[in-house]
Amino acid sequence: MIETFLHEWNKRNQEIMANMKKEKISTNHFYELAITQLELLKKVYPQQVKYTSQQAEFYHLDGYLRKAGELYQRVLELDPLVPLSKKEIRLIQTFCPILMITPKECFPLKDIVAIHHPSKPLMGYHLFWEDDYDFPDDYEPCDHEEIWIEYHPVTEVVTNVMCWFHSRVLSSEAAVKEAQNHQQRAIIRIEWGKHGSLLCGWEKMKEPLTGILLSDWLKESYQLVKSGGRLPDHPLKRYWPKGFEGDLDDYTDYSVKVDLLDYLIEKPLMFKTKWVNAVIFTHSLHYNFHPKMEWPERFVHSLE
């Protein structure tokens, strides 16, 4: 009988996946299912930290912050934080990216958390903007964005630059060369109000899921935010700009420099761990945020 049950289980999972993609199953119902699945896996593999971490993320996404916090704490009990060496602190500062924002940007950057991977020459810089223009209703008083820098451990030269752009991970060789030409500091362009991160050469780049040109994506985004974006009449938007004021050239005018190193020097939120969301939740911020992919390999694996 077990073979039959497993076959039927697999068929049901396929139906769930298909209907999730068609948006016939809500994300909240999916979160509930994932939490139950992970609870079973935790019982089978109690020392597998990833299952506890993923369950914490789903509770977090579903709004159960106290439960998420308990599980994030458990993650760091199972795999404690590793102290940063002086060299790693220096490298985090050396490779700290520079942002270029538009002169009309409506939300300030609140915080930055820098995290060095425990076993790879890779670090993530997590940005927390005051909000996202399109999501006044998400109960998250910030907009969480990500940049990753990979480097050669001997020569200390940037070898890869990656960033988060609307649920996609972007990378470009041009961004690597640009960083190498600017004292190993990557330059990241930031979309107005929504804070999608763009790399050198973005004008000719395609996003990896659909192949849409980023320039076309931004043209569409510009038209939407110009007219007030998503939920233009939401009460929490009443003191925000009514829409983007300016033309498309203004929307893509990334000419104002924001030096993230200044933020790290003033508030050195720097850590070494694999469990990024756990350390941000328990050691870094006093406000809720949206948990995102901790390291870019998670996105890459989803494309396989």
Protein backbone atom coordinates (compact mmCIF):
# COMPACT_ATOMS: atom_id res chain seq x y z
CA MET A 1 0.00 0.00 0.00
CA ILE A 2 2.79 2.45 0.79
CA GLU A 3 3.84 2.55 -2.88
CA THR A 4 0.29 3.52 -3.84
CA PHE A 5 0.13 6.18 -1.13
CA LEU A 6 3.45 7.66 -2.22
CA HIS A 7 2.37 7.70 -5.85
CA GLU A 8 -0.83 9.50 -4.91
CA TRP A 9 1.13 11.88 -2.68
CA ASN A 10 3.40 12.78 -5.58
CA LYS A 11 0.41 13.38 -7.87
CA ARG A 12 -1.20 15.66 -5.30
CA ASN A 13 2.04 17.61 -4.95
CA GLN A 14 2.16 18.10 -8.70
CA GLU A 15 -1.41 19.41 -8.66
CA ILE A 16 -0.58 21.78 -5.81
CA MET A 17 2.48 23.10 -7.65
CA ALA A 18 0.50 23.60 -10.86
CA ASN A 19 -2.26 25.47 -9.06
CA MET A 20 0.21 27.59 -7.10
CA LYS A 21 1.66 28.79 -10.41
CA LYS A 22 -1.87 29.57 -11.62
CA GLU A 23 -2.48 31.47 -8.34
CA LYS A 24 -5.45 29.22 -7.52
CA ILE A 25 -3.88 28.39 -4.15
CA SER A 26 -3.03 31.29 -1.87
CA THR A 27 0.47 31.77 -0.54
CA ASN A 28 -0.88 31.57 3.01
CA HIS A 29 -2.35 28.12 2.38
CA PHE A 30 0.94 27.07 0.84
CA TYR A 31 2.83 28.36 3.89
CA GLU A 32 0.61 26.24 6.15
CA LEU A 33 1.30 23.15 4.06
CA ALA A 34 5.05 23.81 4.01
CA ILE A 35 5.13 24.30 7.79
CA THR A 36 3.45 20.92 8.31
CA GLN A 37 5.82 19.22 5.88
CA LEU A 38 8.86 20.73 7.58
CA GLU A 39 7.60 19.72 11.02
CA LEU A 40 7.66 16.10 9.87
CA LEU A 41 11.15 16.45 8.41
CA LYS A 42 12.39 18.03 11.65
CA LYS A 43 11.24 14.94 13.54
CA VAL A 44 13.11 12.68 11.13
CA TYR A 45 16.22 14.89 10.97
CA PRO A 46 16.30 16.88 14.24
CA GLN A 47 19.85 18.14 13.64
CA GLN A 48 19.20 19.38 10.09
CA VAL A 49 19.25 23.12 10.67
CA LYS A 50 17.87 23.96 7.24
CA TYR A 51 14.44 22.53 8.06
CA THR A 52 14.14 24.62 11.22
CA SER A 53 15.34 27.68 9.31
CA GLN A 54 12.87 27.16 6.47
CA GLN A 55 10.02 26.60 8.91
CA ALA A 56 10.93 29.84 10.68
CA GLU A 57 10.83 31.64 7.34
CA PHE A 58 7.34 30.32 6.54
CA TYR A 59 6.01 31.31 9.97
CA HIS A 60 7.63 34.70 9.42
CA LEU A 61 6.06 35.08 5.97
CA ASP A 62 2.67 34.06 7.36
CA GLY A 63 2.88 36.73 10.07
CA TYR A 64 3.47 34.52 13.11
CA LEU A 65 6.41 36.54 14.38
CA ARG A 66 6.72 35.10 17.89
CA LYS A 67 6.81 31.54 16.57
CA ALA A 68 9.23 32.59 13.85
CA GLY A 69 11.46 34.20 16.48
CA GLU A 70 11.51 31.05 18.60
CA LEU A 71 12.55 28.98 15.60
CA TYR A 72 15.18 31.49 14.47
CA GLN A 73 16.63 31.31 17.99
CA ARG A 74 16.66 27.53 17.70
CA VAL A 75 18.52 27.78 14.39
CA LEU A 76 21.32 29.72 16.06
CA GLU A 77 21.39 27.28 18.97
CA LEU A 78 21.89 24.40 16.54
CA ASP A 79 24.49 26.31 14.53
CA PRO A 80 25.86 29.21 16.62
CA LEU A 81 27.22 32.42 15.17
CA VAL A 82 30.92 32.37 14.31
CA PRO A 83 32.93 35.45 15.36
CA LEU A 84 34.27 37.48 12.48
CA SER A 85 38.03 37.71 12.21
CA LYS A 86 39.70 41.09 11.82
CA LYS A 87 40.47 40.15 8.23
CA GLU A 88 36.83 39.34 7.49
CA ILE A 89 35.71 42.65 8.98
CA ARG A 90 38.24 44.42 6.80
CA LEU A 91 37.02 42.55 3.71
CA ILE A 92 33.38 43.34 4.43
CA GLN A 93 34.35 47.00 4.54
CA THR A 94 36.67 46.77 1.54
CA PHE A 95 34.01 45.21 -0.70
CA CYS A 96 31.13 47.30 0.64
CA PRO A 97 29.06 48.38 -2.40
CA ILE A 98 28.20 51.90 -3.42
CA LEU A 99 24.60 52.71 -4.27
CA MET A 100 23.47 55.13 -6.95
CA ILE A 101 19.89 56.29 -6.43
CA THR A 102 17.65 58.73 -8.26
CA PRO A 103 17.48 62.35 -7.07
CA LYS A 104 13.75 61.85 -6.51
CA GLU A 105 14.00 58.74 -4.28
CA CYS A 106 11.20 58.99 -1.72
CA PHE A 107 12.34 56.51 0.96
CA PRO A 108 15.54 56.72 3.01
CA LEU A 109 17.78 53.76 3.66
CA LYS A 110 17.26 52.72 7.30
CA ASP A 111 19.82 49.99 7.92
CA ILE A 112 22.36 47.69 6.34
CA VAL A 113 23.38 44.27 7.65
CA ALA A 114 26.51 42.62 6.23
CA ILE A 115 26.97 38.87 6.55
CA HIS A 116 30.00 36.81 5.58
CA HIS A 117 29.37 33.23 4.53
CA PRO A 118 30.94 30.78 7.02
CA SER A 119 32.71 28.63 4.41
CA LYS A 120 32.84 30.58 1.13
CA PRO A 121 34.54 33.81 0.00
CA LEU A 122 31.11 35.38 -0.28
CA MET A 123 29.29 38.10 1.61
CA GLY A 124 25.80 39.51 1.52
CA TYR A 125 24.79 43.11 2.10
CA HIS A 126 21.18 43.41 3.21
CA LEU A 127 19.54 46.77 2.69
CA PHE A 128 16.46 47.95 4.54
CA TRP A 129 14.68 50.90 2.97
CA GLU A 130 11.89 52.70 4.80
CA ASP A 131 9.23 51.08 2.60
CA ASP A 132 8.25 49.83 -0.85
CA TYR A 133 6.03 52.18 -2.86
CA ASP A 134 3.87 49.29 -4.10
CA PHE A 135 3.36 47.52 -0.76
CA PRO A 136 1.89 49.80 1.90
CA ASP A 137 -0.28 46.86 3.05
CA ASP A 138 2.31 44.17 3.83
CA TYR A 139 2.74 44.97 7.56
CA GLU A 140 6.48 45.18 6.98
CA PRO A 141 7.79 48.67 7.78
CA CYS A 142 10.74 48.34 5.42
CA ASP A 143 11.82 47.03 2.03
CA HIS A 144 14.49 44.32 2.23
CA GLU A 145 16.91 44.15 -0.72
CA GLU A 146 20.11 42.16 -1.21
CA ILE A 147 23.55 42.40 -2.81
CA TRP A 148 26.15 39.63 -2.83
CA ILE A 149 29.87 39.97 -3.48
CA GLU A 150 32.13 37.01 -4.20
CA TYR A 151 35.89 37.46 -4.06
CA HIS A 152 39.16 35.62 -4.57
CA PRO A 153 40.44 34.65 -1.10
CA VAL A 154 44.12 35.11 -2.03
CA THR A 155 44.17 38.14 -4.32
CA GLU A 156 41.17 39.80 -2.62
CA VAL A 157 39.70 40.78 -5.97
CA VAL A 158 35.96 40.78 -6.72
CA THR A 159 35.01 37.77 -8.85
CA ASN A 160 31.22 38.05 -8.92
CA VAL A 161 28.57 40.68 -8.21
CA MET A 162 24.96 39.61 -7.70
CA CYS A 163 21.85 41.43 -6.59
CA TRP A 164 18.15 40.94 -5.94
CA PHE A 165 15.74 42.30 -8.52
CA HIS A 166 12.05 41.53 -7.90
CA SER A 167 12.49 37.86 -6.89
CA ARG A 168 15.35 37.33 -9.34
CA VAL A 169 19.10 37.20 -8.88
CA LEU A 170 21.05 39.26 -11.40
CA SER A 171 24.76 39.08 -12.15
CA SER A 172 26.99 40.59 -14.80
CA GLU A 173 30.62 40.49 -15.83
CA ALA A 174 30.42 44.22 -16.46
CA ALA A 175 29.57 44.73 -12.78
CA VAL A 176 32.68 42.76 -11.79
CA LYS A 177 34.91 44.89 -14.02
CA GLU A 178 33.27 48.05 -12.73
CA ALA A 179 33.98 46.99 -9.14
CA GLN A 180 37.58 46.16 -9.98
CA ASN A 181 37.94 49.63 -11.49
CA HIS A 182 36.54 51.25 -8.34
CA GLN A 183 38.81 49.81 -5.65
CA GLN A 184 36.83 46.53 -5.51
CA ARG A 185 33.56 48.28 -4.65
CA ALA A 186 30.58 47.31 -6.77
CA ILE A 187 28.23 50.06 -7.92
CA ILE A 188 24.53 49.23 -7.66
CA ARG A 189 21.77 51.30 -9.26
CA ILE A 190 18.55 51.47 -7.23
CA GLU A 191 15.08 51.70 -8.73
CA TRP A 192 12.92 54.56 -7.46
CA GLY A 193 10.50 53.69 -4.66
CA LYS A 194 10.67 49.93 -5.24
CA HIS A 195 14.45 49.51 -4.84
CA GLY A 196 15.08 46.78 -7.37
CA SER A 197 18.86 46.56 -7.71
CA LEU A 198 20.53 46.99 -11.10
CA LEU A 199 24.06 46.22 -12.23
CA CYS A 200 26.41 47.78 -14.72
CA GLY A 201 25.12 46.95 -18.20
CA TRP A 202 21.51 46.61 -17.05
CA GLU A 203 20.27 48.39 -20.18
CA LYS A 204 20.98 45.28 -22.27
CA MET A 205 20.38 42.62 -19.62
CA LYS A 206 17.44 40.22 -19.48
CA GLU A 207 15.88 38.97 -16.28
CA PRO A 208 16.50 35.22 -15.88
CA LEU A 209 12.97 33.88 -15.39
CA THR A 210 11.13 35.23 -18.44
CA GLY A 211 13.88 36.74 -20.58
CA ILE A 212 12.31 40.19 -20.49
CA LEU A 213 14.75 43.03 -21.06
CA LEU A 214 15.30 44.99 -17.87
CA SER A 215 14.86 48.19 -19.86
CA ASP A 216 11.36 47.05 -20.86
CA TRP A 217 10.63 46.00 -17.27
CA LEU A 218 11.56 49.47 -16.04
CA LYS A 219 9.46 51.16 -18.71
CA GLU A 220 6.43 49.24 -17.45
CA SER A 221 7.29 49.96 -13.80
CA TYR A 222 7.66 53.63 -14.64
CA GLN A 223 4.18 53.78 -16.14
CA LEU A 224 2.71 52.08 -13.06
CA VAL A 225 4.37 54.22 -10.40
CA LYS A 226 3.75 57.37 -12.41
CA SER A 227 0.03 56.76 -11.89
CA GLY A 228 0.32 55.88 -8.21
CA GLY A 229 1.45 52.27 -8.40
CA ARG A 230 -0.30 49.43 -6.65
CA LEU A 231 -3.05 50.53 -4.22
CA PRO A 232 -2.77 54.26 -5.02
CA ASP A 233 -5.57 55.14 -2.57
CA HIS A 234 -4.27 53.14 0.40
CA PRO A 235 -4.43 55.30 3.57
CA LEU A 236 -0.78 54.64 4.42
CA LYS A 237 0.16 56.24 1.09
CA ARG A 238 -1.48 59.56 1.85
CA TYR A 239 1.83 61.22 2.78
CA TRP A 240 3.81 59.52 0.04
CA PRO A 241 4.26 60.99 -3.44
CA LYS A 242 1.08 60.64 -5.51
CA GLY A 243 3.24 59.07 -8.18
CA PHE A 244 6.64 59.42 -9.77
CA GLU A 245 7.08 62.94 -11.11
CA GLY A 246 9.25 63.10 -14.19
CA ASP A 247 9.92 61.26 -17.42
CA LEU A 248 11.59 57.90 -18.02
CA ASP A 249 15.03 59.50 -18.12
CA ASP A 250 14.39 60.91 -14.64
CA TYR A 251 13.22 57.48 -13.48
CA THR A 252 16.51 55.90 -14.58
CA ASP A 253 18.74 58.78 -13.49
CA TYR A 254 20.97 56.97 -10.99
CA SER A 255 23.15 59.94 -10.12
CA VAL A 256 23.03 60.32 -6.32
CA LYS A 257 25.67 58.41 -4.38
CA VAL A 258 24.91 56.54 -1.14
CA ASP A 259 27.99 55.06 0.52
CA LEU A 260 27.00 51.95 2.46
CA LEU A 261 30.31 51.98 4.28
CA ASP A 262 29.17 55.05 6.20
CA TYR A 263 26.24 53.02 7.54
CA LEU A 264 28.44 50.08 8.55
CA ILE A 265 30.89 52.34 10.35
CA GLU A 266 28.11 54.08 12.26
CA LYS A 267 26.25 50.85 13.06
CA PRO A 268 28.51 47.82 12.45
CA LEU A 269 25.88 45.13 11.98
CA MET A 270 28.30 42.50 10.68
CA PHE A 271 28.06 38.75 11.23
CA LYS A 272 29.31 35.40 10.02
CA THR A 273 26.66 32.73 9.53
CA LYS A 274 24.79 30.73 6.94
CA TRP A 275 21.45 31.61 8.54
CA VAL A 276 20.91 35.16 7.39
CA ASN A 277 17.24 35.66 8.23
CA ALA A 278 17.80 34.24 11.72
CA VAL A 279 20.57 36.68 12.57
CA ILE A 280 18.73 39.65 11.09
CA PHE A 281 15.60 38.78 13.09
CA THR A 282 17.32 38.06 16.41
CA HIS A 283 20.43 40.27 16.37
CA SER A 284 19.94 43.17 13.97
CA LEU A 285 16.58 44.88 13.56
CA HIS A 286 13.89 46.13 15.93
CA TYR A 287 11.21 46.01 13.23
CA ASN A 288 9.67 43.37 11.02
CA PHE A 289 11.11 42.65 7.58
CA HIS A 290 10.44 40.32 4.67
CA PRO A 291 12.68 37.22 4.82
CA LYS A 292 14.35 36.63 1.49
CA MET A 293 16.74 34.12 -0.04
CA GLU A 294 19.76 34.05 2.20
CA TRP A 295 22.33 33.20 -0.47
CA PRO A 296 22.08 33.35 -4.28
CA GLU A 297 22.64 29.61 -4.75
CA ARG A 298 19.10 29.02 -3.52
CA PHE A 299 17.73 30.91 -6.53
CA VAL A 300 20.16 29.18 -8.89
CA HIS A 301 19.05 25.75 -7.67
CA SER A 302 15.41 26.68 -8.30
CA LEU A 303 16.21 27.15 -12.00
CA GLU A 304 17.69 23.67 -12.38
